[in-house]
Amino acid sequence: MNKKDLPATKEGMRTGMTCTADHVVKVIEDNTERILTALGRYAHAVEDQHRAVAIHGRILTEIQLQLQDHDQRIVRLEASRGQP
């Protein structure tokens, strides 16, 4: 689609350029389809990103729990060494 195919603007109306209602509807449908396609792609990318963040968060939580468990073991070992 080139600029000649677009519906008339205010400037175009002053200079006598007009377009048919069918043409305007077609342009609006085309633009709407492009917008919906772009939104669909964006939504898919956001879902992928959300999934990646959730997995990353789960991994960090598991590591944090392992570190806490490790710290507790160290405290118990140090405490048992101090007693005869």
C-alpha atoms as a PDB file:
ATOM      1  CA  MET A   1       0.000   0.000   0.000  1.00  0.00           C
ATOM      2  CA  ASN A   2       1.415   3.410  -0.884  1.00  0.00           C
ATOM      3  CA  LYS A   3       0.444   6.916   0.177  1.00  0.00           C
ATOM      4  CA  LYS A   4      -1.995   7.272  -2.728  1.00  0.00           C
ATOM      5  CA  ASP A   5      -4.020   4.388  -1.308  1.00  0.00           C
ATOM      6  CA  LEU A   6      -4.545   6.031   2.072  1.00  0.00           C
ATOM      7  CA  PRO A   7      -7.820   7.795   2.835  1.00  0.00           C
ATOM      8  CA  ALA A   8      -8.024  11.514   2.200  1.00  0.00           C
ATOM      9  CA  THR A   9      -6.619  13.787   4.874  1.00  0.00           C
ATOM     10  CA  LYS A  10      -7.807  17.305   5.700  1.00  0.00           C
ATOM     11  CA  GLU A  11      -5.213  18.554   3.222  1.00  0.00           C
ATOM     12  CA  GLY A  12      -6.470  16.125   0.616  1.00  0.00           C
ATOM     13  CA  MET A  13     -10.036  17.251   1.153  1.00  0.00           C
ATOM     14  CA  ARG A  14      -9.051  20.889   0.556  1.00  0.00           C
ATOM     15  CA  THR A  15      -7.357  19.967  -2.691  1.00  0.00           C
ATOM     16  CA  GLY A  16     -10.297  17.875  -3.881  1.00  0.00           C
ATOM     17  CA  MET A  17      -8.840  14.430  -3.259  1.00  0.00           C
ATOM     18  CA  THR A  18     -11.499  12.002  -2.106  1.00  0.00           C
ATOM     19  CA  CYS A  19     -11.807   8.287  -1.573  1.00  0.00           C
ATOM     20  CA  THR A  20     -14.706   5.873  -1.512  1.00  0.00           C
ATOM     21  CA  ALA A  21     -16.243   4.490   1.649  1.00  0.00           C
ATOM     22  CA  ASP A  22     -15.201   1.003   0.530  1.00  0.00           C
ATOM     23  CA  HIS A  23     -11.602   2.144   0.287  1.00  0.00           C
ATOM     24  CA  VAL A  24     -11.719   3.697   3.760  1.00  0.00           C
ATOM     25  CA  VAL A  25     -13.205   0.498   5.195  1.00  0.00           C
ATOM     26  CA  LYS A  26     -10.514  -1.594   3.479  1.00  0.00           C
ATOM     27  CA  VAL A  27      -7.731   0.622   4.844  1.00  0.00           C
ATOM     28  CA  ILE A  28      -9.210   0.505   8.348  1.00  0.00           C
ATOM     29  CA  GLU A  29      -9.529  -3.294   8.167  1.00  0.00           C
ATOM     30  CA  ASP A  30      -5.944  -3.624   6.959  1.00  0.00           C
ATOM     31  CA  ASN A  31      -4.653  -1.335   9.701  1.00  0.00           C
ATOM     32  CA  THR A  32      -6.737  -3.137  12.319  1.00  0.00           C
ATOM     33  CA  GLU A  33      -5.368  -6.503  11.169  1.00  0.00           C
ATOM     34  CA  ARG A  34      -1.784  -5.223  11.382  1.00  0.00           C
ATOM     35  CA  ILE A  35      -2.404  -3.841  14.877  1.00  0.00           C
ATOM     36  CA  LEU A  36      -3.997  -7.078  16.088  1.00  0.00           C
ATOM     37  CA  THR A  37      -1.133  -9.126  14.630  1.00  0.00           C
ATOM     38  CA  ALA A  38       1.421  -6.883  16.346  1.00  0.00           C
ATOM     39  CA  LEU A  39      -0.454  -7.115  19.656  1.00  0.00           C
ATOM     40  CA  GLY A  40      -0.597 -10.904  19.338  1.00  0.00           C
ATOM     41  CA  ARG A  41       3.151 -11.087  18.797  1.00  0.00           C
ATOM     42  CA  TYR A  42       3.750  -8.742  21.727  1.00  0.00           C
ATOM     43  CA  ALA A  43       1.451 -10.782  23.992  1.00  0.00           C
ATOM     44  CA  HIS A  44       3.289 -13.964  23.039  1.00  0.00           C
ATOM     45  CA  ALA A  45       6.652 -12.333  23.803  1.00  0.00           C
ATOM     46  CA  VAL A  46       5.343 -11.122  27.179  1.00  0.00           C
ATOM     47  CA  GLU A  47       4.126 -14.635  28.031  1.00  0.00           C
ATOM     48  CA  ASP A  48       7.543 -16.058  27.140  1.00  0.00           C
ATOM     49  CA  GLN A  49       9.256 -13.428  29.294  1.00  0.00           C
ATOM     50  CA  HIS A  50       6.868 -14.081  32.196  1.00  0.00           C
ATOM     51  CA  ARG A  51       7.580 -17.811  31.977  1.00  0.00           C
ATOM     52  CA  ALA A  52      11.338 -17.164  31.988  1.00  0.00           C
ATOM     53  CA  VAL A  53      11.060 -14.866  35.013  1.00  0.00           C
ATOM     54  CA  ALA A  54       8.985 -17.454  36.887  1.00  0.00           C
ATOM     55  CA  ILE A  55      11.541 -20.192  36.173  1.00  0.00           C
ATOM     56  CA  HIS A  56      14.385 -17.903  37.221  1.00  0.00           C
ATOM     57  CA  GLY A  57      12.553 -17.018  40.444  1.00  0.00           C
ATOM     58  CA  ARG A  58      11.969 -20.691  41.218  1.00  0.00           C
ATOM     59  CA  ILE A  59      15.661 -21.463  40.692  1.00  0.00           C
ATOM     60  CA  LEU A  60      16.689 -18.574  42.970  1.00  0.00           C
ATOM     61  CA  THR A  61      14.287 -19.777  45.666  1.00  0.00           C
ATOM     62  CA  GLU A  62      15.726 -23.299  45.499  1.00  0.00           C
ATOM     63  CA  ILE A  63      19.269 -21.941  45.788  1.00  0.00           C
ATOM     64  CA  GLN A  64      18.295 -19.760  48.741  1.00  0.00           C
ATOM     65  CA  LEU A  65      16.759 -22.767  50.542  1.00  0.00           C
ATOM     66  CA  GLN A  66      19.885 -24.833  49.874  1.00  0.00           C
ATOM     67  CA  LEU A  67      22.069 -22.054  51.291  1.00  0.00           C
ATOM     68  CA  GLN A  68      19.927 -21.800  54.419  1.00  0.00           C
ATOM     69  CA  ASP A  69      20.143 -25.567  54.896  1.00  0.00           C
ATOM     70  CA  HIS A  70      23.902 -25.441  54.361  1.00  0.00           C
ATOM     71  CA  ASP A  71      24.257 -22.629  56.895  1.00  0.00           C
ATOM     72  CA  GLN A  72      22.298 -24.653  59.459  1.00  0.00           C
ATOM     73  CA  ARG A  73      24.559 -27.652  58.916  1.00  0.00           C
ATOM     74  CA  ILE A  74      27.669 -25.499  59.397  1.00  0.00           C
ATOM     75  CA  VAL A  75      26.267 -24.086  62.648  1.00  0.00           C
ATOM     76  CA  ARG A  76      25.526 -27.621  63.916  1.00  0.00           C
ATOM     77  CA  LEU A  77      28.998 -28.871  62.931  1.00  0.00           C
ATOM     78  CA  GLU A  78      30.706 -25.915  64.596  1.00  0.00           C
ATOM     79  CA  ALA A  79      28.615 -26.418  67.713  1.00  0.00           C
ATOM     80  CA  SER A  80      29.457 -30.136  67.886  1.00  0.00           C
ATOM     81  CA  ARG A  81      33.215 -29.403  67.536  1.00  0.00           C
ATOM     82  CA  GLY A  82      33.147 -27.063  70.475  1.00  0.00           C
ATOM     83  CA  GLN A  83      31.822 -29.746  72.820  1.00  0.00           C
ATOM     84  CA  PRO A  84      34.168 -32.513  74.085  1.00  0.00           C
END
